[in-house]
Amino acid sequence: MSPSEVVQRQLEAYNAQDLDAFCATYADDCVIYDLHGAATQSGAAAIRTRYAKTFADFPNNRAWVEHRMMLGDVVIDHEKGERSPEGPFFEALVIYTVKDGRIARVDFVK
């Protein structure tokens, strides 16, 4: 599976709020960062906890890709999303680094 396919599978699981499928796209030691900042989640358990809460708090949550770029193992998405059809809305650049078929690192630019 290409890095782009891994990231797309992650996005589809996110939109379906399928926590198990979503977490399966992440490496066990994946780290999520705010760009040039501290890690916000480190490891599979922390990622699962964060997104279990997100899915519980926002059952109509969804995101979509406005633009995707790829080079080697790096996928950069310009993502927009909504917590519900009425908002709030969000936007981010998300830099995914994929290793061995799973997301190894994520950097968020918000």
C-alpha atoms as a PDB file:
ATOM      1  CA  MET A   1       0.000   0.000   0.000  1.00  0.00           C
ATOM      2  CA  SER A   2       1.377   3.432  -0.920  1.00  0.00           C
ATOM      3  CA  PRO A   3       1.770   6.179   1.709  1.00  0.00           C
ATOM      4  CA  SER A   4      -1.128   8.038   0.090  1.00  0.00           C
ATOM      5  CA  GLU A   5      -3.347   4.953   0.363  1.00  0.00           C
ATOM      6  CA  VAL A   6      -2.469   4.572   4.062  1.00  0.00           C
ATOM      7  CA  VAL A   7      -3.393   8.199   4.742  1.00  0.00           C
ATOM      8  CA  GLN A   8      -6.607   7.859   2.727  1.00  0.00           C
ATOM      9  CA  ARG A   9      -7.564   4.737   4.674  1.00  0.00           C
ATOM     10  CA  GLN A  10      -6.959   6.687   7.899  1.00  0.00           C
ATOM     11  CA  LEU A  11      -9.210   9.528   6.678  1.00  0.00           C
ATOM     12  CA  GLU A  12     -11.983   7.124   5.704  1.00  0.00           C
ATOM     13  CA  ALA A  13     -11.833   5.427   9.117  1.00  0.00           C
ATOM     14  CA  TYR A  14     -11.866   8.868  10.790  1.00  0.00           C
ATOM     15  CA  ASN A  15     -15.007   9.844   8.892  1.00  0.00           C
ATOM     16  CA  ALA A  16     -16.652   6.502   9.688  1.00  0.00           C
ATOM     17  CA  GLN A  17     -15.603   6.954  13.333  1.00  0.00           C
ATOM     18  CA  ASP A  18     -14.198   3.430  13.186  1.00  0.00           C
ATOM     19  CA  LEU A  19     -11.683   3.682  16.020  1.00  0.00           C
ATOM     20  CA  ASP A  20     -10.107   0.265  15.430  1.00  0.00           C
ATOM     21  CA  ALA A  21      -9.596   0.835  11.689  1.00  0.00           C
ATOM     22  CA  PHE A  22      -8.355   4.376  12.364  1.00  0.00           C
ATOM     23  CA  CYS A  23      -5.807   3.243  14.959  1.00  0.00           C
ATOM     24  CA  ALA A  24      -4.657   0.373  12.735  1.00  0.00           C
ATOM     25  CA  THR A  25      -3.175   2.922  10.310  1.00  0.00           C
ATOM     26  CA  TYR A  26      -0.789   4.235  12.987  1.00  0.00           C
ATOM     27  CA  ALA A  27       2.512   2.702  14.051  1.00  0.00           C
ATOM     28  CA  ASP A  28       2.638   1.595  17.678  1.00  0.00           C
ATOM     29  CA  ASP A  29       5.246   4.280  18.390  1.00  0.00           C
ATOM     30  CA  CYS A  30       3.669   7.047  16.296  1.00  0.00           C
ATOM     31  CA  VAL A  31       4.020  10.580  17.618  1.00  0.00           C
ATOM     32  CA  ILE A  32       1.680  13.471  16.829  1.00  0.00           C
ATOM     33  CA  TYR A  33       3.095  17.003  17.025  1.00  0.00           C
ATOM     34  CA  ASP A  34       1.997  20.559  16.603  1.00  0.00           C
ATOM     35  CA  LEU A  35       4.469  21.796  13.981  1.00  0.00           C
ATOM     36  CA  HIS A  36       7.620  23.090  15.696  1.00  0.00           C
ATOM     37  CA  GLY A  37       6.013  22.331  19.044  1.00  0.00           C
ATOM     38  CA  ALA A  38       5.690  19.646  21.612  1.00  0.00           C
ATOM     39  CA  ALA A  39       4.278  16.194  21.028  1.00  0.00           C
ATOM     40  CA  THR A  40       0.538  16.132  21.702  1.00  0.00           C
ATOM     41  CA  GLN A  41       0.250  12.316  21.619  1.00  0.00           C
ATOM     42  CA  SER A  42       2.907   9.655  21.740  1.00  0.00           C
ATOM     43  CA  GLY A  43       2.190   6.003  21.116  1.00  0.00           C
ATOM     44  CA  ALA A  44      -0.824   3.957  20.129  1.00  0.00           C
ATOM     45  CA  ALA A  45      -2.597   4.174  23.496  1.00  0.00           C
ATOM     46  CA  ALA A  46      -2.475   7.988  23.570  1.00  0.00           C
ATOM     47  CA  ILE A  47      -3.723   8.222  19.987  1.00  0.00           C
ATOM     48  CA  ARG A  48      -6.571   5.811  20.738  1.00  0.00           C
ATOM     49  CA  THR A  49      -7.561   7.818  23.835  1.00  0.00           C
ATOM     50  CA  ARG A  50      -7.545  11.133  21.942  1.00  0.00           C
ATOM     51  CA  TYR A  51      -9.672   9.926  19.050  1.00  0.00           C
ATOM     52  CA  ALA A  52     -12.059   7.851  21.191  1.00  0.00           C
ATOM     53  CA  LYS A  53     -12.871  11.116  22.984  1.00  0.00           C
ATOM     54  CA  THR A  54     -13.152  13.045  19.700  1.00  0.00           C
ATOM     55  CA  PHE A  55     -15.535  10.469  18.232  1.00  0.00           C
ATOM     56  CA  ALA A  56     -17.615  10.381  21.439  1.00  0.00           C
ATOM     57  CA  ASP A  57     -17.772  14.170  21.779  1.00  0.00           C
ATOM     58  CA  PHE A  58     -18.503  14.844  18.093  1.00  0.00           C
ATOM     59  CA  PRO A  59     -20.553  12.005  16.561  1.00  0.00           C
ATOM     60  CA  ASN A  60     -21.086  13.985  13.330  1.00  0.00           C
ATOM     61  CA  ASN A  61     -17.414  14.905  12.985  1.00  0.00           C
ATOM     62  CA  ARG A  62     -15.897  14.601   9.511  1.00  0.00           C
ATOM     63  CA  ALA A  63     -12.969  15.887   7.476  1.00  0.00           C
ATOM     64  CA  TRP A  64     -12.061  16.126   3.813  1.00  0.00           C
ATOM     65  CA  VAL A  65      -8.954  16.830   1.774  1.00  0.00           C
ATOM     66  CA  GLU A  66      -8.822  20.065  -0.171  1.00  0.00           C
ATOM     67  CA  HIS A  67      -5.411  19.227  -1.633  1.00  0.00           C
ATOM     68  CA  ARG A  68      -2.904  16.392  -1.241  1.00  0.00           C
ATOM     69  CA  MET A  69       0.795  16.343  -2.090  1.00  0.00           C
ATOM     70  CA  MET A  70       3.164  13.394  -1.842  1.00  0.00           C
ATOM     71  CA  LEU A  71       6.888  12.887  -2.008  1.00  0.00           C
ATOM     72  CA  GLY A  72       8.423   9.580  -0.986  1.00  0.00           C
ATOM     73  CA  ASP A  73       7.059   8.545   2.401  1.00  0.00           C
ATOM     74  CA  VAL A  74       5.559  11.978   3.152  1.00  0.00           C
ATOM     75  CA  VAL A  75       1.943  12.938   2.465  1.00  0.00           C
ATOM     76  CA  ILE A  76       0.815  16.516   3.060  1.00  0.00           C
ATOM     77  CA  ASP A  77      -2.912  17.190   3.227  1.00  0.00           C
ATOM     78  CA  HIS A  78      -4.723  20.491   3.360  1.00  0.00           C
ATOM     79  CA  GLU A  79      -7.694  19.314   5.392  1.00  0.00           C
ATOM     80  CA  LYS A  80     -10.941  20.986   6.304  1.00  0.00           C
ATOM     81  CA  GLY A  81     -13.554  19.591   8.585  1.00  0.00           C
ATOM     82  CA  GLU A  82     -16.530  20.105  10.792  1.00  0.00           C
ATOM     83  CA  ARG A  83     -17.617  18.884  14.176  1.00  0.00           C
ATOM     84  CA  SER A  84     -21.218  18.900  12.879  1.00  0.00           C
ATOM     85  CA  PRO A  85     -22.948  20.345   9.811  1.00  0.00           C
ATOM     86  CA  GLU A  86     -23.562  23.513  11.859  1.00  0.00           C
ATOM     87  CA  GLY A  87     -19.900  23.748  12.974  1.00  0.00           C
ATOM     88  CA  PRO A  88     -17.576  24.470  14.478  1.00  0.00           C
ATOM     89  CA  PHE A  89     -15.352  24.129  11.455  1.00  0.00           C
ATOM     90  CA  PHE A  90     -11.608  23.528  11.349  1.00  0.00           C
ATOM     91  CA  GLU A  91      -8.727  23.652   8.910  1.00  0.00           C
ATOM     92  CA  ALA A  92      -5.180  22.310   9.060  1.00  0.00           C
ATOM     93  CA  LEU A  93      -2.186  21.293   7.064  1.00  0.00           C
ATOM     94  CA  VAL A  94      -1.291  17.788   8.131  1.00  0.00           C
ATOM     95  CA  ILE A  95       2.095  16.272   7.360  1.00  0.00           C
ATOM     96  CA  TYR A  96       2.060  12.478   7.572  1.00  0.00           C
ATOM     97  CA  THR A  97       5.246  10.404   7.517  1.00  0.00           C
ATOM     98  CA  VAL A  98       4.536   6.780   6.614  1.00  0.00           C
ATOM     99  CA  LYS A  99       6.971   3.956   7.370  1.00  0.00           C
ATOM    100  CA  ASP A 100       6.412   0.266   6.720  1.00  0.00           C
ATOM    101  CA  GLY A 101       2.789   0.824   5.724  1.00  0.00           C
ATOM    102  CA  ARG A 102       1.727   2.745   8.838  1.00  0.00           C
ATOM    103  CA  ILE A 103       1.726   6.375   9.899  1.00  0.00           C
ATOM    104  CA  ALA A 104       4.868   6.951  11.980  1.00  0.00           C
ATOM    105  CA  ARG A 105       4.635  10.693  12.581  1.00  0.00           C
ATOM    106  CA  VAL A 106       2.058  13.456  12.160  1.00  0.00           C
ATOM    107  CA  ASP A 107       2.725  17.192  12.238  1.00  0.00           C
ATOM    108  CA  PHE A 108      -0.270  19.544  12.459  1.00  0.00           C
ATOM    109  CA  VAL A 109      -0.205  23.131  11.255  1.00  0.00           C
ATOM    110  CA  LYS A 110      -3.289  24.892  12.581  1.00  0.00           C
END
